[in-house]
N, C-alpha and C. Protein backbone atom coordinates (compact mmCIF):
# COMPACT_ATOMS: atom_id res chain seq x y z
N MET A 1 12.31 -24.01 -9.71
CA MET A 1 11.70 -24.37 -8.44
C MET A 1 10.60 -25.25 -8.93
N HIS A 2 10.54 -26.31 -8.02
CA HIS A 2 9.47 -27.57 -8.28
C HIS A 2 8.25 -26.93 -7.56
N PHE A 3 7.16 -26.40 -8.11
CA PHE A 3 5.94 -26.08 -7.58
C PHE A 3 4.73 -27.08 -7.45
N PRO A 4 4.67 -27.81 -6.11
CA PRO A 4 3.82 -29.10 -6.06
C PRO A 4 2.49 -28.54 -5.91
N LEU A 5 1.79 -28.13 -7.12
CA LEU A 5 0.30 -27.63 -7.00
C LEU A 5 -0.65 -28.62 -6.71
N ARG A 6 -0.55 -29.88 -7.53
CA ARG A 6 -1.56 -30.88 -7.37
C ARG A 6 -1.42 -31.35 -5.96
N GLN A 7 -0.29 -31.63 -5.38
CA GLN A 7 -0.23 -32.23 -4.05
C GLN A 7 -0.64 -31.27 -3.17
N LEU A 8 -0.57 -29.98 -3.17
CA LEU A 8 -0.94 -28.84 -2.41
C LEU A 8 -2.33 -28.80 -2.32
N VAL A 9 -2.98 -28.93 -3.38
CA VAL A 9 -4.44 -28.80 -3.57
C VAL A 9 -4.98 -30.09 -2.85
N SER A 10 -4.44 -31.25 -3.20
CA SER A 10 -4.94 -32.30 -2.50
C SER A 10 -4.66 -32.53 -0.97
N GLU A 11 -3.52 -31.80 -0.43
CA GLU A 11 -3.40 -31.77 0.93
C GLU A 11 -4.51 -30.57 1.44
N ALA A 12 -4.73 -29.61 0.89
CA ALA A 12 -5.50 -28.55 1.30
C ALA A 12 -6.96 -29.10 1.47
N LEU A 13 -7.39 -30.05 0.67
CA LEU A 13 -8.60 -30.80 0.76
C LEU A 13 -8.79 -31.90 1.96
N THR A 14 -7.74 -32.41 2.16
CA THR A 14 -7.74 -33.55 3.09
C THR A 14 -6.88 -33.20 4.45
N VAL A 15 -5.74 -32.60 4.29
CA VAL A 15 -4.90 -32.25 5.55
C VAL A 15 -4.51 -30.93 5.33
N PRO A 16 -5.38 -29.66 5.66
CA PRO A 16 -5.05 -28.40 5.48
C PRO A 16 -3.92 -27.91 6.48
N GLN A 17 -3.64 -28.43 7.56
CA GLN A 17 -2.21 -28.18 8.19
C GLN A 17 -1.00 -28.29 7.56
N ALA A 18 -0.94 -29.38 6.94
CA ALA A 18 0.10 -29.73 6.26
C ALA A 18 0.36 -28.96 4.83
N ALA A 19 -0.89 -28.64 4.34
CA ALA A 19 -0.57 -27.89 3.25
C ALA A 19 -0.43 -26.41 3.47
N ALA A 20 -0.77 -25.92 4.52
CA ALA A 20 -0.48 -24.59 4.93
C ALA A 20 1.03 -24.53 5.27
N LYS A 21 1.38 -25.42 5.94
CA LYS A 21 2.99 -25.50 6.28
C LYS A 21 3.73 -25.52 4.98
N ARG A 22 3.37 -26.23 3.88
CA ARG A 22 4.03 -26.34 2.52
C ARG A 22 3.95 -25.08 2.00
N LEU A 23 2.68 -24.29 1.92
CA LEU A 23 2.50 -22.99 1.43
C LEU A 23 3.29 -22.07 1.81
N ASN A 24 3.38 -22.04 3.38
CA ASN A 24 4.13 -20.98 4.03
C ASN A 24 5.71 -21.36 3.57
N GLY A 25 6.18 -22.42 3.25
CA GLY A 25 7.48 -22.58 2.95
C GLY A 25 7.73 -22.25 1.43
N LEU A 26 6.87 -21.92 0.80
CA LEU A 26 7.20 -21.52 -0.68
C LEU A 26 7.49 -20.09 -0.76
N ASP A 27 8.61 -19.72 -1.43
CA ASP A 27 9.12 -18.44 -1.68
C ASP A 27 8.58 -17.90 -2.98
N ILE A 28 7.50 -17.14 -2.84
CA ILE A 28 6.79 -16.50 -4.11
C ILE A 28 6.83 -14.95 -3.93
N GLY A 29 7.36 -14.21 -4.92
CA GLY A 29 7.40 -12.99 -4.76
C GLY A 29 6.13 -12.09 -4.89
N ARG A 30 5.90 -11.15 -4.43
CA ARG A 30 4.77 -10.25 -4.44
C ARG A 30 4.12 -10.03 -5.87
N ALA A 31 5.05 -9.89 -6.71
CA ALA A 31 4.75 -9.48 -8.13
C ALA A 31 4.07 -10.98 -8.73
N HIS A 32 4.63 -12.06 -8.36
CA HIS A 32 4.03 -13.22 -8.81
C HIS A 32 2.66 -13.69 -8.17
N LEU A 33 2.65 -13.15 -6.87
CA LEU A 33 1.30 -13.26 -6.21
C LEU A 33 0.17 -12.61 -6.68
N PHE A 34 0.53 -11.22 -7.24
CA PHE A 34 -0.50 -10.52 -7.88
C PHE A 34 -0.91 -11.04 -9.22
N GLU A 35 0.22 -11.69 -9.88
CA GLU A 35 -0.23 -12.32 -11.20
C GLU A 35 -1.06 -13.58 -10.86
N ALA A 36 -0.91 -14.33 -9.86
CA ALA A 36 -1.59 -15.38 -9.56
C ALA A 36 -3.00 -14.93 -9.16
N ALA A 37 -2.95 -13.91 -8.30
CA ALA A 37 -4.42 -13.34 -7.98
C ALA A 37 -5.29 -13.09 -9.19
N LEU A 38 -4.45 -12.32 -10.25
CA LEU A 38 -5.43 -12.04 -11.29
C LEU A 38 -5.89 -13.38 -12.33
N PHE A 39 -4.85 -14.28 -12.26
CA PHE A 39 -5.25 -15.46 -12.97
C PHE A 39 -6.44 -16.19 -12.42
N VAL A 40 -6.40 -16.25 -11.09
CA VAL A 40 -7.50 -16.82 -10.29
C VAL A 40 -8.74 -16.17 -10.29
N SER A 41 -8.70 -14.72 -10.40
CA SER A 41 -9.87 -14.00 -10.54
C SER A 41 -10.47 -14.13 -11.96
N VAL A 42 -9.78 -14.17 -13.03
CA VAL A 42 -10.15 -14.46 -14.40
C VAL A 42 -10.78 -15.86 -14.39
N THR A 43 -10.10 -16.73 -13.90
CA THR A 43 -10.56 -18.19 -13.91
C THR A 43 -11.86 -18.38 -13.08
N GLY A 44 -12.01 -17.69 -11.96
CA GLY A 44 -13.17 -17.55 -11.15
C GLY A 44 -14.36 -16.86 -11.83
N ALA A 45 -14.08 -15.86 -12.60
CA ALA A 45 -15.27 -15.38 -13.27
C ALA A 45 -15.61 -16.06 -14.38
N ILE A 46 -14.70 -16.81 -15.05
CA ILE A 46 -15.33 -17.87 -16.04
C ILE A 46 -16.19 -18.91 -15.48
N VAL A 47 -15.67 -19.43 -14.42
CA VAL A 47 -16.37 -20.48 -13.69
C VAL A 47 -17.85 -19.95 -13.20
N GLN A 48 -17.70 -18.71 -12.64
CA GLN A 48 -18.92 -18.03 -12.24
C GLN A 48 -20.07 -17.77 -13.21
N SER A 49 -19.44 -17.55 -14.47
CA SER A 49 -20.39 -17.30 -15.66
C SER A 49 -21.00 -18.55 -16.05
N VAL A 50 -20.37 -19.51 -15.91
CA VAL A 50 -20.85 -21.00 -16.33
C VAL A 50 -22.01 -21.34 -15.22
N TYR A 51 -21.58 -21.18 -14.00
CA TYR A 51 -22.59 -21.36 -12.91
C TYR A 51 -23.80 -20.58 -13.10
N MET A 52 -23.58 -19.30 -13.34
CA MET A 52 -24.81 -18.36 -13.60
C MET A 52 -25.63 -18.81 -14.77
N GLY A 53 -24.99 -19.30 -15.84
CA GLY A 53 -25.74 -20.02 -16.89
C GLY A 53 -26.44 -21.09 -16.75
N VAL A 54 -26.13 -22.01 -15.70
CA VAL A 54 -26.89 -23.06 -15.20
C VAL A 54 -27.97 -22.68 -14.52
N LEU A 55 -27.77 -21.74 -13.46
CA LEU A 55 -28.79 -21.25 -12.73
C LEU A 55 -29.83 -20.64 -13.61
N SER A 56 -29.27 -19.80 -14.62
CA SER A 56 -30.41 -19.30 -15.44
C SER A 56 -31.37 -20.34 -16.05
N SER A 57 -30.87 -21.29 -16.37
CA SER A 57 -31.65 -22.42 -17.07
C SER A 57 -32.71 -22.96 -16.05
N SER A 58 -32.57 -22.64 -14.75
CA SER A 58 -33.35 -23.28 -13.87
C SER A 58 -34.30 -22.23 -13.28
N SER A 59 -33.92 -21.01 -13.47
CA SER A 59 -34.93 -19.82 -12.87
C SER A 59 -35.25 -19.00 -14.17
N THR A 60 -36.18 -17.88 -13.75
CA THR A 60 -36.58 -17.00 -14.90
C THR A 60 -35.44 -16.11 -15.22
N GLN A 61 -35.58 -15.69 -16.52
CA GLN A 61 -34.48 -14.83 -17.10
C GLN A 61 -34.18 -13.68 -16.46
N ASP A 62 -35.34 -12.97 -15.98
CA ASP A 62 -35.12 -11.83 -15.27
C ASP A 62 -34.25 -11.96 -13.98
N GLN A 63 -34.47 -12.96 -13.29
CA GLN A 63 -33.71 -13.27 -12.10
C GLN A 63 -32.27 -13.51 -12.44
N ALA A 64 -32.03 -14.18 -13.43
CA ALA A 64 -30.61 -14.58 -13.86
C ALA A 64 -29.96 -13.45 -14.38
N ALA A 65 -30.59 -12.58 -15.07
CA ALA A 65 -30.12 -11.18 -15.84
C ALA A 65 -29.63 -10.38 -14.53
N ALA A 66 -30.51 -10.39 -13.40
CA ALA A 66 -30.04 -9.39 -12.35
C ALA A 66 -29.04 -9.82 -11.58
N LEU A 67 -28.62 -11.15 -11.68
CA LEU A 67 -27.38 -11.63 -11.03
C LEU A 67 -26.09 -11.58 -11.83
N MET A 68 -26.08 -11.46 -13.00
CA MET A 68 -25.01 -11.27 -13.96
C MET A 68 -24.31 -9.98 -13.91
N LEU A 69 -22.90 -10.20 -13.97
CA LEU A 69 -22.26 -8.95 -13.80
C LEU A 69 -21.29 -9.07 -15.30
N THR A 70 -20.75 -7.73 -15.68
CA THR A 70 -20.03 -7.87 -16.77
C THR A 70 -18.68 -8.50 -16.48
N PRO A 71 -17.99 -9.11 -17.48
CA PRO A 71 -16.77 -9.87 -17.05
C PRO A 71 -15.83 -8.88 -16.58
N PHE A 72 -15.69 -7.73 -16.72
CA PHE A 72 -14.76 -6.95 -15.93
C PHE A 72 -15.06 -6.64 -14.45
N ALA A 73 -16.34 -6.44 -14.31
CA ALA A 73 -16.86 -6.44 -12.86
C ALA A 73 -16.73 -7.51 -11.96
N SER A 74 -16.88 -8.87 -12.86
CA SER A 74 -16.60 -10.11 -12.06
C SER A 74 -15.14 -10.22 -11.56
N VAL A 75 -14.42 -9.93 -12.62
CA VAL A 75 -13.00 -10.09 -12.40
C VAL A 75 -12.43 -9.13 -11.36
N SER A 76 -12.92 -7.84 -11.42
CA SER A 76 -12.59 -7.02 -10.29
C SER A 76 -13.13 -7.23 -9.04
N LEU A 77 -14.29 -7.85 -8.83
CA LEU A 77 -14.92 -8.24 -7.58
C LEU A 77 -14.09 -9.27 -6.80
N LEU A 78 -13.86 -10.24 -7.79
CA LEU A 78 -12.84 -11.43 -7.28
C LEU A 78 -11.58 -10.96 -6.75
N MET A 79 -10.95 -10.05 -7.67
CA MET A 79 -9.45 -9.67 -7.30
C MET A 79 -9.75 -8.85 -6.01
N GLY A 80 -10.67 -7.98 -6.03
CA GLY A 80 -10.84 -7.13 -4.64
C GLY A 80 -11.02 -7.86 -3.47
N GLN A 81 -11.76 -9.18 -3.60
CA GLN A 81 -12.06 -10.24 -2.52
C GLN A 81 -10.81 -10.75 -2.10
N ILE A 82 -9.90 -11.21 -3.07
CA ILE A 82 -8.70 -11.67 -2.81
C ILE A 82 -7.88 -10.81 -1.88
N LEU A 83 -7.75 -9.52 -2.35
CA LEU A 83 -6.91 -8.51 -1.71
C LEU A 83 -7.44 -8.20 -0.34
N ILE A 84 -8.75 -7.87 -0.19
CA ILE A 84 -9.25 -7.55 1.14
C ILE A 84 -9.33 -8.65 2.16
N VAL A 85 -9.54 -10.18 1.64
CA VAL A 85 -9.38 -11.22 2.68
C VAL A 85 -7.68 -11.29 3.07
N ALA A 86 -6.86 -10.98 2.24
CA ALA A 86 -5.36 -10.92 2.51
C ALA A 86 -5.16 -9.83 3.60
N ALA A 87 -5.60 -8.67 3.23
CA ALA A 87 -5.42 -7.59 4.32
C ALA A 87 -5.93 -7.85 5.55
N LEU A 88 -7.26 -8.19 5.57
CA LEU A 88 -7.98 -8.69 6.90
C LEU A 88 -7.11 -9.76 7.65
N VAL A 89 -6.81 -10.85 6.84
CA VAL A 89 -5.82 -12.00 7.49
C VAL A 89 -4.66 -11.22 8.19
N HIS A 90 -4.07 -10.47 7.30
CA HIS A 90 -2.81 -9.89 7.88
C HIS A 90 -3.13 -9.08 9.14
N TRP A 91 -3.99 -8.12 8.82
CA TRP A 91 -4.26 -7.10 10.04
C TRP A 91 -4.64 -7.54 11.04
N VAL A 92 -5.84 -8.41 11.11
CA VAL A 92 -6.41 -9.02 12.45
C VAL A 92 -5.66 -9.97 12.99
N GLY A 93 -4.80 -10.65 12.35
CA GLY A 93 -3.95 -11.72 12.84
C GLY A 93 -2.74 -10.95 13.68
N ARG A 94 -2.42 -9.93 13.16
CA ARG A 94 -1.49 -9.14 13.90
C ARG A 94 -2.05 -8.51 15.13
N MET A 95 -3.26 -8.11 15.10
CA MET A 95 -3.97 -7.61 16.19
C MET A 95 -3.93 -8.53 17.29
N PHE A 96 -4.10 -9.86 17.09
CA PHE A 96 -4.10 -10.88 18.06
C PHE A 96 -2.84 -11.48 18.29
N GLY A 97 -1.68 -11.02 17.92
CA GLY A 97 -0.26 -11.39 18.20
C GLY A 97 0.18 -12.18 17.40
N GLY A 98 -0.37 -12.35 16.14
CA GLY A 98 0.33 -13.27 14.76
C GLY A 98 1.42 -12.72 14.43
N THR A 99 2.35 -13.49 13.66
CA THR A 99 3.41 -13.14 13.20
C THR A 99 3.59 -13.27 11.59
N GLY A 100 2.32 -13.45 11.07
CA GLY A 100 2.45 -13.59 9.52
C GLY A 100 2.60 -12.10 8.88
N THR A 101 3.08 -12.43 7.66
CA THR A 101 3.32 -11.24 6.68
C THR A 101 2.29 -10.97 5.86
N PHE A 102 2.12 -9.78 5.17
CA PHE A 102 1.22 -9.60 4.17
C PHE A 102 1.33 -10.54 3.07
N ASP A 103 2.51 -10.63 2.65
CA ASP A 103 2.80 -11.62 1.44
C ASP A 103 2.04 -13.05 1.76
N GLY A 104 2.46 -13.51 2.93
CA GLY A 104 2.00 -14.68 3.39
C GLY A 104 0.40 -14.84 3.38
N ALA A 105 -0.24 -13.76 3.89
CA ALA A 105 -1.68 -13.52 3.77
C ALA A 105 -2.16 -13.70 2.49
N LEU A 106 -1.52 -12.91 1.55
CA LEU A 106 -1.78 -12.75 -0.04
C LEU A 106 -1.54 -14.18 -0.59
N LYS A 107 -0.46 -14.86 -0.25
CA LYS A 107 -0.36 -16.17 -0.72
C LYS A 107 -1.62 -17.24 -0.32
N LEU A 108 -1.95 -17.05 1.06
CA LEU A 108 -3.07 -17.82 1.49
C LEU A 108 -4.21 -17.53 0.79
N SER A 109 -4.62 -16.29 0.62
CA SER A 109 -5.74 -15.93 0.05
C SER A 109 -5.99 -16.34 -1.48
N VAL A 110 -4.92 -16.14 -2.20
CA VAL A 110 -4.86 -16.58 -3.60
C VAL A 110 -4.95 -18.10 -3.74
N PHE A 111 -4.27 -18.78 -2.98
CA PHE A 111 -4.36 -20.32 -3.04
C PHE A 111 -5.77 -20.85 -2.65
N LEU A 112 -6.29 -20.23 -1.64
CA LEU A 112 -7.57 -20.84 -1.08
C LEU A 112 -8.64 -20.27 -1.95
N SER A 113 -8.55 -19.29 -2.55
CA SER A 113 -9.55 -18.73 -3.83
C SER A 113 -9.41 -19.76 -4.89
N PHE A 114 -8.13 -20.18 -5.25
CA PHE A 114 -7.87 -21.08 -6.36
C PHE A 114 -8.84 -22.39 -6.15
N VAL A 115 -8.54 -22.77 -4.88
CA VAL A 115 -9.14 -23.91 -4.52
C VAL A 115 -10.73 -23.83 -4.67
N SER A 116 -11.08 -22.85 -4.17
CA SER A 116 -12.48 -22.47 -4.16
C SER A 116 -13.26 -22.34 -5.56
N VAL A 117 -12.42 -21.92 -6.63
CA VAL A 117 -12.76 -22.05 -7.84
C VAL A 117 -13.33 -23.40 -8.30
N PHE A 118 -12.55 -24.47 -7.90
CA PHE A 118 -12.85 -25.90 -8.25
C PHE A 118 -14.22 -26.39 -7.36
N TRP A 119 -14.38 -25.67 -6.24
CA TRP A 119 -15.49 -26.05 -5.47
C TRP A 119 -16.82 -25.50 -6.34
N SER A 120 -16.79 -24.08 -6.82
CA SER A 120 -17.67 -23.53 -7.54
C SER A 120 -17.93 -24.34 -8.77
N LEU A 121 -16.81 -24.87 -9.51
CA LEU A 121 -17.11 -25.82 -10.71
C LEU A 121 -17.92 -27.14 -10.35
N SER A 122 -17.57 -27.59 -9.14
CA SER A 122 -18.11 -28.81 -8.80
C SER A 122 -19.71 -28.61 -8.57
N PHE A 123 -19.91 -27.47 -7.83
CA PHE A 123 -21.36 -27.00 -7.71
C PHE A 123 -22.16 -26.93 -9.07
N ALA A 124 -21.63 -26.35 -10.00
CA ALA A 124 -22.17 -26.10 -11.31
C ALA A 124 -22.46 -27.45 -12.05
N LEU A 125 -21.54 -28.27 -11.84
CA LEU A 125 -21.50 -29.83 -12.52
C LEU A 125 -22.66 -30.41 -11.72
N ALA A 126 -22.67 -30.41 -10.36
CA ALA A 126 -23.74 -31.16 -9.72
C ALA A 126 -25.11 -30.70 -10.05
N LEU A 127 -25.17 -29.34 -10.26
CA LEU A 127 -26.57 -28.62 -10.50
C LEU A 127 -26.99 -29.26 -12.01
N MET A 128 -26.18 -29.32 -12.94
CA MET A 128 -26.57 -29.83 -14.26
C MET A 128 -26.66 -31.20 -14.28
N LEU A 129 -25.79 -32.02 -13.65
CA LEU A 129 -25.86 -33.47 -13.71
C LEU A 129 -26.57 -34.32 -12.64
N VAL A 130 -26.34 -33.93 -11.32
CA VAL A 130 -27.02 -34.59 -10.34
C VAL A 130 -27.53 -33.52 -9.29
N PRO A 131 -28.61 -32.84 -9.60
CA PRO A 131 -29.14 -31.71 -8.65
C PRO A 131 -29.40 -32.31 -7.37
N PRO A 132 -29.73 -33.40 -6.95
CA PRO A 132 -29.82 -33.75 -5.43
C PRO A 132 -28.57 -33.60 -4.77
N MET A 133 -27.28 -33.57 -5.43
CA MET A 133 -26.04 -33.71 -4.86
C MET A 133 -25.56 -32.22 -4.65
N PHE A 134 -26.47 -31.20 -5.17
CA PHE A 134 -25.87 -29.91 -5.00
C PHE A 134 -25.79 -29.21 -3.50
N MET A 135 -26.83 -29.52 -2.97
CA MET A 135 -27.10 -28.93 -1.57
C MET A 135 -25.99 -29.61 -0.89
N PHE A 136 -25.75 -30.92 -0.87
CA PHE A 136 -24.71 -31.68 -0.14
C PHE A 136 -23.39 -31.13 -0.31
N LEU A 137 -23.11 -30.77 -1.74
CA LEU A 137 -21.75 -30.16 -1.95
C LEU A 137 -21.59 -28.86 -1.47
N VAL A 138 -22.73 -28.10 -1.46
CA VAL A 138 -22.44 -26.77 -0.92
C VAL A 138 -22.38 -26.72 0.46
N ALA A 139 -22.81 -27.75 1.27
CA ALA A 139 -22.77 -27.85 2.63
C ALA A 139 -21.20 -28.28 2.91
N MET A 140 -20.68 -29.11 2.16
CA MET A 140 -19.36 -29.54 2.26
C MET A 140 -18.33 -28.56 1.86
N GLY A 141 -18.63 -27.74 1.10
CA GLY A 141 -17.80 -26.54 0.64
C GLY A 141 -17.78 -25.51 1.87
N VAL A 142 -18.86 -25.31 2.41
CA VAL A 142 -18.89 -24.53 3.67
C VAL A 142 -17.95 -24.92 4.83
N VAL A 143 -18.22 -26.25 5.00
CA VAL A 143 -17.44 -26.79 6.11
C VAL A 143 -16.00 -26.78 5.74
N TRP A 144 -15.54 -27.17 4.62
CA TRP A 144 -14.34 -27.18 4.18
C TRP A 144 -13.72 -25.85 4.25
N THR A 145 -14.39 -24.79 3.86
CA THR A 145 -13.89 -23.56 3.90
C THR A 145 -13.55 -22.93 5.36
N LEU A 146 -14.38 -23.16 6.31
CA LEU A 146 -14.08 -22.95 7.55
C LEU A 146 -12.84 -23.66 8.09
N TRP A 147 -12.79 -24.93 7.97
CA TRP A 147 -11.86 -25.80 8.50
C TRP A 147 -10.45 -25.35 7.81
N ALA A 148 -10.48 -25.37 6.55
CA ALA A 148 -9.21 -24.83 5.82
C ALA A 148 -8.68 -23.45 6.06
N HIS A 149 -9.41 -22.44 6.06
CA HIS A 149 -9.19 -21.22 6.53
C HIS A 149 -8.65 -21.06 7.73
N GLY A 150 -9.22 -21.78 8.79
CA GLY A 150 -8.86 -21.95 10.11
C GLY A 150 -7.35 -22.34 10.33
N HIS A 151 -7.15 -23.53 9.67
CA HIS A 151 -5.84 -24.02 9.64
C HIS A 151 -4.84 -23.19 8.86
N PHE A 152 -5.05 -22.67 7.90
CA PHE A 152 -4.09 -21.86 7.16
C PHE A 152 -3.86 -20.52 7.71
N ILE A 153 -4.77 -20.00 8.57
CA ILE A 153 -4.33 -18.65 9.23
C ILE A 153 -3.70 -18.95 10.48
N ALA A 154 -4.09 -20.08 11.02
CA ALA A 154 -3.37 -20.40 12.39
C ALA A 154 -1.96 -20.88 11.94
N GLN A 155 -1.70 -21.43 10.95
CA GLN A 155 -0.26 -21.84 10.37
C GLN A 155 0.46 -20.55 10.11
N LEU A 156 -0.16 -19.63 9.28
CA LEU A 156 0.50 -18.34 9.03
C LEU A 156 0.79 -17.55 10.08
N HIS A 157 0.06 -17.38 11.03
CA HIS A 157 0.24 -16.60 12.18
C HIS A 157 0.88 -17.27 13.49
N GLY A 158 1.02 -18.41 13.42
CA GLY A 158 1.64 -19.09 14.45
C GLY A 158 0.78 -19.31 15.71
N PHE A 159 -0.70 -19.48 15.48
CA PHE A 159 -1.56 -19.69 16.42
C PHE A 159 -1.55 -21.17 16.66
N SER A 160 -1.98 -21.51 18.07
CA SER A 160 -1.89 -22.86 18.28
C SER A 160 -3.33 -23.49 18.03
N SER A 161 -4.38 -22.89 17.88
CA SER A 161 -5.79 -23.49 17.51
C SER A 161 -6.59 -22.77 16.54
N TRP A 162 -6.73 -23.64 15.51
CA TRP A 162 -7.55 -23.42 14.34
C TRP A 162 -8.97 -23.03 14.68
N LEU A 163 -9.55 -23.67 15.75
CA LEU A 163 -10.83 -23.53 16.21
C LEU A 163 -10.84 -22.09 16.71
N ARG A 164 -9.94 -21.39 17.45
CA ARG A 164 -10.02 -19.88 17.77
C ARG A 164 -10.05 -19.11 16.72
N VAL A 165 -9.25 -19.47 15.68
CA VAL A 165 -9.31 -18.57 14.36
C VAL A 165 -10.67 -18.39 13.96
N VAL A 166 -11.36 -19.62 13.77
CA VAL A 166 -12.78 -19.69 13.27
C VAL A 166 -13.72 -18.95 14.22
N ALA A 167 -13.43 -19.03 15.56
CA ALA A 167 -14.50 -18.38 16.43
C ALA A 167 -14.08 -16.78 16.20
N VAL A 168 -13.06 -16.41 16.23
CA VAL A 168 -12.67 -14.95 16.10
C VAL A 168 -13.28 -14.38 14.70
N ALA A 169 -13.15 -15.35 13.58
CA ALA A 169 -13.74 -14.86 12.37
C ALA A 169 -15.16 -14.57 12.55
N PHE A 170 -15.78 -15.59 13.18
CA PHE A 170 -17.26 -15.52 13.37
C PHE A 170 -17.77 -14.26 14.32
N GLY A 171 -16.99 -13.97 15.14
CA GLY A 171 -17.14 -12.90 16.08
C GLY A 171 -16.94 -11.68 15.24
N LEU A 172 -15.99 -11.45 14.57
CA LEU A 172 -15.80 -10.16 13.81
C LEU A 172 -16.73 -10.02 12.46
N SER A 173 -17.07 -11.24 12.17
CA SER A 173 -18.35 -10.97 10.96
C SER A 173 -19.56 -10.51 11.52
N PHE A 174 -19.84 -11.20 12.66
CA PHE A 174 -21.03 -10.64 13.52
C PHE A 174 -20.89 -9.02 13.88
N VAL A 175 -19.79 -8.72 14.44
CA VAL A 175 -19.71 -7.18 14.59
C VAL A 175 -19.76 -6.29 13.51
N LEU A 176 -19.10 -6.81 12.37
CA LEU A 176 -19.05 -5.83 11.04
C LEU A 176 -20.33 -6.04 10.57
N THR A 177 -21.13 -6.84 10.72
CA THR A 177 -22.56 -7.00 10.08
C THR A 177 -23.37 -6.06 10.99
N PHE A 178 -23.35 -6.10 12.26
CA PHE A 178 -24.08 -5.30 13.23
C PHE A 178 -23.74 -3.79 12.79
N VAL A 179 -22.47 -3.45 12.83
CA VAL A 179 -21.95 -2.00 12.46
C VAL A 179 -22.50 -1.47 11.22
N PHE A 180 -22.60 -2.45 10.06
CA PHE A 180 -23.05 -2.16 8.69
C PHE A 180 -24.54 -1.83 8.99
N VAL A 181 -25.15 -2.68 9.65
CA VAL A 181 -26.76 -2.37 9.85
C VAL A 181 -27.11 -1.27 10.39
N LEU A 182 -26.22 -0.85 11.33
CA LEU A 182 -26.37 0.39 12.15
C LEU A 182 -26.09 1.57 11.28
N VAL A 183 -24.99 1.62 10.46
CA VAL A 183 -24.41 2.65 9.64
C VAL A 183 -25.49 2.90 8.57
N THR A 184 -25.78 1.85 7.67
CA THR A 184 -26.71 1.92 6.55
C THR A 184 -28.21 2.02 7.03
N GLY A 185 -28.64 1.90 8.24
CA GLY A 185 -30.17 1.73 8.68
C GLY A 185 -30.86 0.59 8.04
N GLN A 186 -30.18 -0.42 7.57
CA GLN A 186 -30.84 -1.54 6.96
C GLN A 186 -31.81 -2.15 8.00
N GLY A 187 -31.55 -1.99 9.24
CA GLY A 187 -32.34 -2.69 10.39
C GLY A 187 -33.59 -2.02 10.81
N GLN A 188 -33.80 -0.89 10.19
CA GLN A 188 -35.01 0.02 10.67
C GLN A 188 -36.31 -0.83 10.04
N VAL A 189 -37.25 -0.83 10.88
CA VAL A 189 -38.49 -1.35 10.71
C VAL A 189 -39.49 -0.32 10.37
N ILE A 190 -40.06 -0.49 9.07
CA ILE A 190 -40.99 0.69 8.59
C ILE A 190 -42.46 0.11 9.05
N SER A 191 -43.09 0.81 10.03
CA SER A 191 -44.44 0.34 10.29
C SER A 191 -45.45 1.43 9.88
N ARG A 192 -46.54 0.94 9.44
CA ARG A 192 -47.56 1.80 8.65
C ARG A 192 -48.87 1.25 9.22
């Protein structure tokens, strides 16, 4: 099987609806998806470590040490993120009448996490080499993430509008944040 990874990444950055269609057409077994998720998690943890090293040179050691995780914790956190995103994309998409499968959602989550590793690497390089470009790249990364995720999820579930996908994601994140604040009591104001 010819796996067009370079073309897929290039399309994901410029024409995400075409990349999403191509990705959905790839037949990748669940075992291979879990292996790919582990590879992306390990790679992401390495890039994150480099990024934190760059940040630590521009902040105090105590602040940097507080943000550092053990390698196992970093990989576990990234792997958990990939699996949770896949489960949410599958479950919420199905709630709204989508037709995507869990394997399709996992494929989407792994691939978009893979591309995000390159974004993180570009952030670290910009911070080291051209600090004024850092915030610009971060803004571009956020916009691309919303744009690409919207297209990929719409393609996976057969939705007609990627903007609706983004709107639902914003709405759900607002509701979940509100519920989290209520449950944990983080919103209480202490007055003395």
